[in-house]
Amino acid sequence: MMKTQRLLKNDRGSMLILITIMLLLLVTIISFSASRTANTEVIIAGNEYRYQKNFYRAEGAAIDSIDILEASTNPKTADFVWLGFNTSEINDANIFTYAYWDGDRQTGSTRGQASALDPGTTSFLAVHRGVLPGSSLDMSKPAKHTFSIYGRCVEKGTTIIKVGYTKAY
């Protein structure tokens, strides 16, 4: 019995146990913090991936429009519903809220053209901005016309890009 009482009164190992518990608590807090930081980084990387994917798809849609305009001899006489000539209807200020990207449910009119890249999520619009300033006024030469082309991708968010394009006709 005497030996048991002496062991209980002996406090030589208590400081070691206390330091060990404190170190374990510190390591637990650091690992929890590192886990949360890693999780945040994974979310940021996923958002960046989606943004880049949407950006390049919107760019591809705009390039589809440029390909069609390049193949056309005179875009003004072509019957492109996605090509507008009213610069006040479609401009940089209202392109994000433009109602006719996907079509008006009441009238059925649509301006946005689905891209061949991914018809379900990408589309494009173009606006004729007029004759390029400084272009030749000689009627025997073709005039340079400028266009603003908007490409859009709507997949887990909306990305719209604007590309300038010039065509002589």
N, C-alpha and C. Protein backbone atom coordinates (compact mmCIF):
# COMPACT_ATOMS: atom_id res chain seq x y z
N MET A 1 0.81 -1.18 0.00
CA MET A 1 0.00 0.00 0.00
C MET A 1 0.87 1.26 0.00
N MET A 2 1.97 1.13 0.59
CA MET A 2 2.87 2.24 0.70
C MET A 2 3.41 2.66 -0.67
N LYS A 3 3.69 1.68 -1.51
CA LYS A 3 4.20 1.96 -2.83
C LYS A 3 3.16 2.70 -3.69
N THR A 4 1.90 2.35 -3.59
CA THR A 4 0.84 3.00 -4.35
C THR A 4 0.70 4.45 -3.95
N GLN A 5 0.75 4.73 -2.70
CA GLN A 5 0.63 6.11 -2.25
C GLN A 5 1.81 6.93 -2.75
N ARG A 6 3.00 6.36 -2.80
CA ARG A 6 4.16 7.10 -3.24
C ARG A 6 4.06 7.41 -4.75
N LEU A 7 3.48 6.51 -5.55
CA LEU A 7 3.33 6.74 -6.99
C LEU A 7 2.32 7.85 -7.26
N LEU A 8 1.25 7.88 -6.48
CA LEU A 8 0.24 8.92 -6.69
C LEU A 8 0.77 10.30 -6.29
N LYS A 9 1.64 10.38 -5.35
CA LYS A 9 2.17 11.66 -4.91
C LYS A 9 3.36 12.11 -5.77
N ASN A 10 3.88 11.24 -6.59
CA ASN A 10 5.01 11.57 -7.43
C ASN A 10 4.51 12.34 -8.66
N ASP A 11 4.97 13.56 -8.92
CA ASP A 11 4.51 14.37 -10.04
C ASP A 11 5.60 14.62 -11.07
N ARG A 12 6.60 13.75 -11.18
CA ARG A 12 7.69 13.95 -12.11
C ARG A 12 7.27 13.83 -13.58
N GLY A 13 6.29 13.07 -13.98
CA GLY A 13 5.88 12.90 -15.38
C GLY A 13 4.70 13.77 -15.78
N SER A 14 4.13 14.53 -14.88
CA SER A 14 2.93 15.31 -15.19
C SER A 14 3.22 16.44 -16.17
N MET A 15 4.36 17.06 -16.08
CA MET A 15 4.69 18.16 -17.00
C MET A 15 4.85 17.62 -18.41
N LEU A 16 5.42 16.44 -18.57
CA LEU A 16 5.58 15.83 -19.88
C LEU A 16 4.21 15.54 -20.50
N ILE A 17 3.28 15.05 -19.73
CA ILE A 17 1.93 14.76 -20.23
C ILE A 17 1.24 16.06 -20.63
N LEU A 18 1.37 17.10 -19.84
CA LEU A 18 0.76 18.39 -20.14
C LEU A 18 1.33 18.99 -21.43
N ILE A 19 2.64 18.92 -21.61
CA ILE A 19 3.27 19.43 -22.84
C ILE A 19 2.83 18.60 -24.05
N THR A 20 2.71 17.31 -23.90
CA THR A 20 2.26 16.44 -25.00
C THR A 20 0.83 16.78 -25.42
N ILE A 21 -0.04 16.99 -24.46
CA ILE A 21 -1.44 17.35 -24.76
C ILE A 21 -1.48 18.70 -25.47
N MET A 22 -0.67 19.66 -25.02
CA MET A 22 -0.64 20.99 -25.66
C MET A 22 -0.14 20.88 -27.10
N LEU A 23 0.90 20.07 -27.33
CA LEU A 23 1.41 19.89 -28.69
C LEU A 23 0.38 19.21 -29.59
N LEU A 24 -0.31 18.21 -29.07
CA LEU A 24 -1.37 17.55 -29.85
C LEU A 24 -2.48 18.53 -30.19
N LEU A 25 -2.85 19.38 -29.28
CA LEU A 25 -3.88 20.39 -29.53
C LEU A 25 -3.40 21.37 -30.60
N LEU A 26 -2.16 21.80 -30.52
CA LEU A 26 -1.59 22.71 -31.51
C LEU A 26 -1.55 22.07 -32.89
N VAL A 27 -1.10 20.83 -32.98
CA VAL A 27 -1.06 20.12 -34.27
C VAL A 27 -2.47 19.95 -34.83
N THR A 28 -3.44 19.69 -33.99
CA THR A 28 -4.84 19.54 -34.43
C THR A 28 -5.35 20.85 -35.02
N ILE A 29 -5.07 21.96 -34.37
CA ILE A 29 -5.52 23.27 -34.87
C ILE A 29 -4.85 23.59 -36.19
N ILE A 30 -3.55 23.34 -36.30
CA ILE A 30 -2.83 23.61 -37.55
C ILE A 30 -3.36 22.73 -38.69
N SER A 31 -3.61 21.47 -38.43
CA SER A 31 -4.11 20.58 -39.49
C SER A 31 -5.52 20.96 -39.91
N PHE A 32 -6.36 21.38 -38.98
CA PHE A 32 -7.70 21.82 -39.33
C PHE A 32 -7.64 23.08 -40.20
N SER A 33 -6.77 24.01 -39.83
CA SER A 33 -6.60 25.23 -40.61
C SER A 33 -6.07 24.92 -42.01
N ALA A 34 -5.11 24.03 -42.12
CA ALA A 34 -4.56 23.64 -43.43
C ALA A 34 -5.62 22.96 -44.29
N SER A 35 -6.46 22.16 -43.66
CA SER A 35 -7.54 21.49 -44.39
C SER A 35 -8.53 22.51 -44.95
N ARG A 36 -8.89 23.50 -44.17
CA ARG A 36 -9.82 24.54 -44.64
C ARG A 36 -9.20 25.36 -45.76
N THR A 37 -7.92 25.68 -45.64
CA THR A 37 -7.23 26.43 -46.68
C THR A 37 -7.18 25.62 -47.98
N ALA A 38 -6.87 24.36 -47.89
CA ALA A 38 -6.82 23.50 -49.08
C ALA A 38 -8.19 23.40 -49.73
N ASN A 39 -9.24 23.30 -48.93
CA ASN A 39 -10.60 23.23 -49.46
C ASN A 39 -10.95 24.51 -50.21
N THR A 40 -10.58 25.65 -49.65
CA THR A 40 -10.83 26.93 -50.31
C THR A 40 -10.07 27.02 -51.63
N GLU A 41 -8.84 26.56 -51.65
CA GLU A 41 -8.04 26.57 -52.88
C GLU A 41 -8.65 25.68 -53.96
N VAL A 42 -9.20 24.56 -53.57
CA VAL A 42 -9.86 23.67 -54.53
C VAL A 42 -11.09 24.35 -55.13
N ILE A 43 -11.85 25.05 -54.32
CA ILE A 43 -13.04 25.77 -54.81
C ILE A 43 -12.62 26.88 -55.77
N ILE A 44 -11.57 27.62 -55.42
CA ILE A 44 -11.07 28.68 -56.29
C ILE A 44 -10.61 28.11 -57.62
N ALA A 45 -9.89 27.00 -57.59
CA ALA A 45 -9.40 26.37 -58.82
C ALA A 45 -10.58 25.90 -59.69
N GLY A 46 -11.62 25.37 -59.07
CA GLY A 46 -12.80 24.94 -59.83
C GLY A 46 -13.50 26.11 -60.49
N ASN A 47 -13.61 27.23 -59.78
CA ASN A 47 -14.23 28.43 -60.36
C ASN A 47 -13.39 28.97 -61.51
N GLU A 48 -12.09 28.97 -61.36
CA GLU A 48 -11.20 29.44 -62.43
C GLU A 48 -11.31 28.53 -63.66
N TYR A 49 -11.41 27.24 -63.44
CA TYR A 49 -11.57 26.29 -64.55
C TYR A 49 -12.87 26.57 -65.31
N ARG A 50 -13.97 26.75 -64.57
CA ARG A 50 -15.26 27.03 -65.22
C ARG A 50 -15.22 28.35 -65.98
N TYR A 51 -14.60 29.37 -65.39
CA TYR A 51 -14.50 30.67 -66.06
C TYR A 51 -13.71 30.53 -67.36
N GLN A 52 -12.55 29.88 -67.30
CA GLN A 52 -11.73 29.72 -68.51
C GLN A 52 -12.48 28.93 -69.58
N LYS A 53 -13.16 27.88 -69.16
CA LYS A 53 -13.92 27.06 -70.10
C LYS A 53 -15.01 27.90 -70.77
N ASN A 54 -15.76 28.67 -69.98
CA ASN A 54 -16.81 29.53 -70.55
C ASN A 54 -16.22 30.61 -71.44
N PHE A 55 -15.09 31.19 -71.02
CA PHE A 55 -14.46 32.23 -71.82
C PHE A 55 -14.07 31.71 -73.20
N TYR A 56 -13.43 30.55 -73.24
CA TYR A 56 -13.00 30.01 -74.53
C TYR A 56 -14.18 29.55 -75.38
N ARG A 57 -15.23 29.09 -74.75
CA ARG A 57 -16.43 28.72 -75.52
C ARG A 57 -17.09 29.97 -76.10
N ALA A 58 -17.16 31.05 -75.32
CA ALA A 58 -17.73 32.31 -75.83
C ALA A 58 -16.87 32.84 -76.98
N GLU A 59 -15.57 32.72 -76.84
CA GLU A 59 -14.67 33.14 -77.92
C GLU A 59 -14.89 32.29 -79.17
N GLY A 60 -15.08 31.00 -78.99
CA GLY A 60 -15.36 30.12 -80.13
C GLY A 60 -16.65 30.49 -80.83
N ALA A 61 -17.66 30.89 -80.05
CA ALA A 61 -18.93 31.31 -80.64
C ALA A 61 -18.73 32.58 -81.46
N ALA A 62 -17.95 33.52 -80.95
CA ALA A 62 -17.67 34.76 -81.69
C ALA A 62 -16.91 34.44 -82.98
N ILE A 63 -15.99 33.50 -82.93
CA ILE A 63 -15.24 33.12 -84.12
C ILE A 63 -16.16 32.44 -85.14
N ASP A 64 -17.16 31.70 -84.67
CA ASP A 64 -18.17 31.14 -85.59
C ASP A 64 -18.83 32.26 -86.39
N SER A 65 -19.19 33.34 -85.70
CA SER A 65 -19.82 34.47 -86.36
C SER A 65 -18.88 35.10 -87.38
N ILE A 66 -17.63 35.24 -87.03
CA ILE A 66 -16.64 35.82 -87.95
C ILE A 66 -16.49 34.94 -89.19
N ASP A 67 -16.49 33.62 -89.01
CA ASP A 67 -16.40 32.71 -90.15
C ASP A 67 -17.58 32.90 -91.10
N ILE A 68 -18.78 33.07 -90.54
CA ILE A 68 -19.96 33.26 -91.38
C ILE A 68 -19.88 34.60 -92.11
N LEU A 69 -19.45 35.66 -91.41
CA LEU A 69 -19.31 36.97 -92.05
C LEU A 69 -18.23 36.95 -93.13
N GLU A 70 -17.15 36.23 -92.90
CA GLU A 70 -16.08 36.11 -93.88
C GLU A 70 -16.58 35.44 -95.16
N ALA A 71 -17.43 34.45 -95.01
CA ALA A 71 -17.93 33.71 -96.17
C ALA A 71 -18.98 34.51 -96.95
N SER A 72 -19.58 35.50 -96.32
CA SER A 72 -20.61 36.31 -96.96
C SER A 72 -19.98 37.40 -97.81
N THR A 73 -20.51 37.61 -99.00
CA THR A 73 -19.98 38.67 -99.86
C THR A 73 -20.44 40.05 -99.39
N ASN A 74 -21.69 40.15 -98.94
CA ASN A 74 -22.22 41.42 -98.43
C ASN A 74 -23.14 41.11 -97.25
N PRO A 75 -22.66 41.26 -96.04
CA PRO A 75 -23.48 40.94 -94.87
C PRO A 75 -24.78 41.75 -94.77
N LYS A 76 -24.79 42.95 -95.37
CA LYS A 76 -26.01 43.78 -95.30
C LYS A 76 -27.17 43.15 -96.07
N THR A 77 -26.87 42.48 -97.17
CA THR A 77 -27.93 41.88 -97.96
C THR A 77 -28.25 40.45 -97.52
N ALA A 78 -27.39 39.87 -96.72
CA ALA A 78 -27.65 38.51 -96.23
C ALA A 78 -28.75 38.56 -95.18
N ASP A 79 -29.44 37.48 -95.03
CA ASP A 79 -30.56 37.42 -94.08
C ASP A 79 -30.08 36.77 -92.78
N PHE A 80 -29.26 37.50 -92.03
CA PHE A 80 -28.77 37.00 -90.75
C PHE A 80 -29.60 37.63 -89.64
N VAL A 81 -30.37 36.84 -88.92
CA VAL A 81 -31.16 37.40 -87.81
C VAL A 81 -30.28 37.81 -86.65
N TRP A 82 -29.10 37.26 -86.56
CA TRP A 82 -28.19 37.57 -85.47
C TRP A 82 -27.36 38.82 -85.73
N LEU A 83 -27.48 39.40 -86.92
CA LEU A 83 -26.74 40.61 -87.27
C LEU A 83 -27.66 41.81 -87.21
N GLY A 84 -27.36 42.73 -86.31
CA GLY A 84 -28.18 43.92 -86.15
C GLY A 84 -27.51 45.14 -86.75
N PHE A 85 -28.32 46.11 -87.14
CA PHE A 85 -27.80 47.35 -87.70
C PHE A 85 -28.16 48.55 -86.83
N ASN A 86 -28.86 48.30 -85.73
CA ASN A 86 -29.27 49.36 -84.80
C ASN A 86 -28.33 49.33 -83.60
N THR A 87 -27.40 50.28 -83.56
CA THR A 87 -26.40 50.27 -82.49
C THR A 87 -26.99 50.64 -81.13
N SER A 88 -28.16 51.26 -81.12
CA SER A 88 -28.76 51.59 -79.82
C SER A 88 -29.49 50.38 -79.23
N GLU A 89 -29.87 49.42 -80.10
CA GLU A 89 -30.56 48.23 -79.61
C GLU A 89 -29.58 47.29 -78.89
N ILE A 90 -28.43 47.08 -79.48
CA ILE A 90 -27.41 46.19 -78.89
C ILE A 90 -26.14 47.00 -78.72
N ASN A 91 -25.71 47.17 -77.47
CA ASN A 91 -24.46 47.87 -77.21
C ASN A 91 -23.83 47.31 -75.94
N ASP A 92 -22.66 47.82 -75.60
CA ASP A 92 -21.94 47.30 -74.45
C ASP A 92 -22.69 47.48 -73.14
N ALA A 93 -23.51 48.51 -73.05
CA ALA A 93 -24.22 48.79 -71.80
C ALA A 93 -25.35 47.80 -71.53
N ASN A 94 -25.98 47.31 -72.58
CA ASN A 94 -27.15 46.44 -72.36
C ASN A 94 -26.96 45.00 -72.82
N ILE A 95 -25.76 44.61 -73.19
CA ILE A 95 -25.57 43.27 -73.75
C ILE A 95 -25.83 42.17 -72.72
N PHE A 96 -25.56 42.42 -71.45
CA PHE A 96 -25.79 41.40 -70.43
C PHE A 96 -27.27 41.22 -70.14
N THR A 97 -28.07 42.25 -70.36
CA THR A 97 -29.50 42.17 -70.08
C THR A 97 -30.32 42.09 -71.36
N TYR A 98 -29.67 41.92 -72.48
CA TYR A 98 -30.37 41.88 -73.76
C TYR A 98 -31.33 40.70 -73.79
N ALA A 99 -32.60 40.99 -74.07
CA ALA A 99 -33.66 39.98 -73.92
C ALA A 99 -33.71 38.97 -75.05
N TYR A 100 -33.14 39.27 -76.19
CA TYR A 100 -33.33 38.40 -77.35
C TYR A 100 -32.18 37.43 -77.60
N TRP A 101 -31.31 37.23 -76.63
CA TRP A 101 -30.27 36.22 -76.82
C TRP A 101 -30.89 34.87 -77.12
N ASP A 102 -31.83 34.47 -76.28
CA ASP A 102 -32.44 33.15 -76.42
C ASP A 102 -33.82 33.21 -77.06
N GLY A 103 -34.36 34.37 -77.24
CA GLY A 103 -35.67 34.51 -77.86
C GLY A 103 -36.69 35.08 -76.90
N ASP A 104 -37.61 35.80 -77.46
CA ASP A 104 -38.71 36.38 -76.69
C ASP A 104 -39.84 35.36 -76.69
N ARG A 105 -40.29 34.97 -75.52
CA ARG A 105 -41.32 33.92 -75.42
C ARG A 105 -42.66 34.35 -76.04
N GLN A 106 -42.99 35.63 -75.96
CA GLN A 106 -44.27 36.09 -76.48
C GLN A 106 -44.26 36.21 -78.00
N THR A 107 -43.24 36.83 -78.56
CA THR A 107 -43.23 37.04 -80.01
C THR A 107 -42.50 35.93 -80.76
N GLY A 108 -41.67 35.19 -80.04
CA GLY A 108 -40.92 34.12 -80.69
C GLY A 108 -39.70 34.61 -81.44
N SER A 109 -39.46 35.94 -81.42
CA SER A 109 -38.31 36.45 -82.15
C SER A 109 -37.04 36.19 -81.35
N THR A 110 -36.00 35.86 -82.06
CA THR A 110 -34.71 35.62 -81.42
C THR A 110 -33.63 36.29 -82.23
N ARG A 111 -32.60 36.74 -81.57
CA ARG A 111 -31.49 37.36 -82.26
C ARG A 111 -30.23 36.53 -82.10
N GLY A 112 -30.07 35.90 -80.96
CA GLY A 112 -28.88 35.10 -80.72
C GLY A 112 -28.88 33.85 -81.58
N GLN A 113 -27.76 33.59 -82.20
CA GLN A 113 -27.61 32.40 -83.03
C GLN A 113 -26.81 31.37 -82.26
N ALA A 114 -27.34 30.16 -82.16
CA ALA A 114 -26.60 29.10 -81.47
C ALA A 114 -25.34 28.78 -82.25
N SER A 115 -24.26 28.61 -81.54
CA SER A 115 -22.99 28.31 -82.17
C SER A 115 -22.88 26.82 -82.46
N ALA A 116 -22.15 26.49 -83.51
CA ALA A 116 -21.92 25.08 -83.84
C ALA A 116 -21.01 24.42 -82.82
N LEU A 117 -20.27 25.22 -82.07
CA LEU A 117 -19.36 24.71 -81.06
C LEU A 117 -20.09 23.88 -80.01
N ASP A 118 -21.13 24.47 -79.43
CA ASP A 118 -21.97 23.79 -78.44
C ASP A 118 -23.32 24.48 -78.46
N PRO A 119 -24.25 24.02 -79.31
CA PRO A 119 -25.51 24.74 -79.48
C PRO A 119 -26.33 24.92 -78.21
N GLY A 120 -26.12 24.08 -77.23
CA GLY A 120 -26.90 24.18 -76.00
C GLY A 120 -26.46 25.31 -75.08
N THR A 121 -25.18 25.68 -75.13
CA THR A 121 -24.69 26.67 -74.17
C THR A 121 -24.04 27.90 -74.81
N THR A 122 -23.72 27.87 -76.09
CA THR A 122 -23.04 29.00 -76.70
C THR A 122 -23.87 29.63 -77.81
N SER A 123 -23.75 30.95 -77.93
CA SER A 123 -24.45 31.68 -78.99
C SER A 123 -23.68 32.96 -79.29
N PHE A 124 -24.10 33.64 -80.38
CA PHE A 124 -23.43 34.88 -80.76
C PHE A 124 -24.42 35.86 -81.34
N LEU A 125 -24.04 37.13 -81.29
CA LEU A 125 -24.76 38.26 -81.89
C LEU A 125 -23.71 39.15 -82.55
N ALA A 126 -24.12 39.92 -83.53
CA ALA A 126 -23.21 40.88 -84.14
C ALA A 126 -23.98 42.16 -84.45
N VAL A 127 -23.27 43.28 -84.39
CA VAL A 127 -23.86 44.58 -84.69
C VAL A 127 -22.96 45.30 -85.69
N HIS A 128 -23.58 45.79 -86.76
CA HIS A 128 -22.85 46.57 -87.75
C HIS A 128 -22.69 47.98 -87.18
N ARG A 129 -21.44 48.44 -87.06
CA ARG A 129 -21.16 49.75 -86.47
C ARG A 129 -20.97 50.83 -87.52
N GLY A 130 -20.99 50.48 -88.78
CA GLY A 130 -20.86 51.48 -89.83
C GLY A 130 -19.54 51.36 -90.58
N VAL A 131 -19.31 52.36 -91.43
CA VAL A 131 -18.09 52.39 -92.22
C VAL A 131 -16.96 52.89 -91.33
N LEU A 132 -15.81 52.24 -91.45
CA LEU A 132 -14.64 52.58 -90.65
C LEU A 132 -14.21 54.01 -90.94
N PRO A 133 -14.05 54.84 -89.92
CA PRO A 133 -13.58 56.22 -90.16
C PRO A 133 -12.23 56.20 -90.86
N GLY A 134 -12.09 57.07 -91.85
CA GLY A 134 -10.86 57.13 -92.61
C GLY A 134 -10.84 56.18 -93.80
N SER A 135 -11.93 55.43 -93.96
CA SER A 135 -12.03 54.51 -95.08
C SER A 135 -12.23 55.31 -96.36
N SER A 136 -11.86 54.74 -97.46
CA SER A 136 -11.96 55.43 -98.74
C SER A 136 -13.41 55.71 -99.09
N LEU A 137 -13.66 56.92 -99.58
CA LEU A 137 -15.01 57.28 -100.03
C LEU A 137 -15.16 57.05 -101.53
N ASP A 138 -14.16 56.53 -102.15
CA ASP A 138 -14.19 56.23 -103.58
C ASP A 138 -15.19 55.11 -103.81
N MET A 139 -16.21 55.36 -104.61
CA MET A 139 -17.29 54.39 -104.84
C MET A 139 -16.81 53.17 -105.62
N SER A 140 -15.69 53.27 -106.30
CA SER A 140 -15.21 52.12 -107.07
C SER A 140 -14.47 51.12 -106.18
N LYS A 141 -14.07 51.55 -104.97
CA LYS A 141 -13.36 50.67 -104.04
C LYS A 141 -14.32 50.22 -102.95
N PRO A 142 -14.12 49.02 -102.44
CA PRO A 142 -14.98 48.59 -101.33
C PRO A 142 -14.66 49.38 -100.06
N ALA A 143 -15.70 49.66 -99.30
CA ALA A 143 -15.53 50.37 -98.03
C ALA A 143 -15.31 49.36 -96.91
N LYS A 144 -14.59 49.78 -95.90
CA LYS A 144 -14.36 48.91 -94.75
C LYS A 144 -15.46 49.15 -93.72
N HIS A 145 -16.16 48.09 -93.39
CA HIS A 145 -17.24 48.16 -92.42
C HIS A 145 -16.79 47.50 -91.12
N THR A 146 -17.22 48.07 -89.99
CA THR A 146 -16.83 47.52 -88.69
C THR A 146 -18.03 46.84 -88.04
N PHE A 147 -17.75 45.81 -87.30
CA PHE A 147 -18.76 45.05 -86.58
C PHE A 147 -18.30 44.82 -85.14
N SER A 148 -19.24 44.78 -84.24
CA SER A 148 -18.98 44.32 -82.88
C SER A 148 -19.64 42.96 -82.77
N ILE A 149 -18.86 41.97 -82.42
CA ILE A 149 -19.38 40.61 -82.33
C ILE A 149 -19.33 40.18 -80.87
N TYR A 150 -20.46 39.67 -80.39
CA TYR A 150 -20.57 39.23 -79.00
C TYR A 150 -20.74 37.72 -78.99
N GLY A 151 -19.88 37.05 -78.27
CA GLY A 151 -19.99 35.61 -78.06
C GLY A 151 -20.41 35.37 -76.62
N ARG A 152 -21.26 34.37 -76.41
CA ARG A 152 -21.78 34.12 -75.06
C ARG A 152 -21.78 32.63 -74.76
N CYS A 153 -21.46 32.30 -73.51
CA CYS A 153 -21.56 30.93 -73.02
C CYS A 153 -22.30 30.97 -71.69
N VAL A 154 -23.31 30.13 -71.57
CA VAL A 154 -24.08 30.06 -70.31
C VAL A 154 -24.03 28.64 -69.77
N GLU A 155 -23.00 28.39 -69.00
CA GLU A 155 -22.88 27.10 -68.32
C GLU A 155 -22.36 27.38 -66.92
N LYS A 156 -23.23 27.23 -65.93
CA LYS A 156 -22.88 27.55 -64.53
C LYS A 156 -22.38 28.98 -64.42
N GLY A 157 -23.09 29.90 -65.05
CA GLY A 157 -22.72 31.31 -65.08
C GLY A 157 -22.73 31.79 -66.52
N THR A 158 -22.70 33.08 -66.71
CA THR A 158 -22.73 33.65 -68.04
C THR A 158 -21.43 34.39 -68.32
N THR A 159 -20.83 34.11 -69.46
CA THR A 159 -19.64 34.80 -69.90
C THR A 159 -19.93 35.37 -71.28
N ILE A 160 -19.69 36.67 -71.44
CA ILE A 160 -19.89 37.33 -72.73
C ILE A 160 -18.59 38.05 -73.09
N ILE A 161 -18.16 37.86 -74.33
CA ILE A 161 -16.99 38.58 -74.81
C ILE A 161 -17.38 39.39 -76.02
N LYS A 162 -16.59 40.44 -76.28
CA LYS A 162 -16.82 41.30 -77.45
C LYS A 162 -15.56 41.27 -78.30
N VAL A 163 -15.76 41.09 -79.61
CA VAL A 163 -14.66 41.05 -80.55
C VAL A 163 -14.95 42.05 -81.64
N GLY A 164 -13.98 42.87 -81.99
CA GLY A 164 -14.14 43.79 -83.11
C GLY A 164 -13.74 43.09 -84.41
N TYR A 165 -14.46 43.43 -85.47
CA TYR A 165 -14.21 42.78 -86.77
C TYR A 165 -14.40 43.82 -87.88
N THR A 166 -13.55 43.79 -88.88
CA THR A 166 -13.64 44.70 -90.01
C THR A 166 -13.67 43.89 -91.29
N LYS A 167 -14.60 44.27 -92.19
CA LYS A 167 -14.73 43.57 -93.48
C LYS A 167 -14.91 44.61 -94.57
N ALA A 168 -14.18 44.44 -95.65
CA ALA A 168 -14.31 45.33 -96.80
C ALA A 168 -15.29 44.72 -97.79
N TYR A 169 -16.30 45.50 -98.18
CA TYR A 169 -17.24 45.08 -99.23
C TYR A 169 -17.87 46.30 -99.85
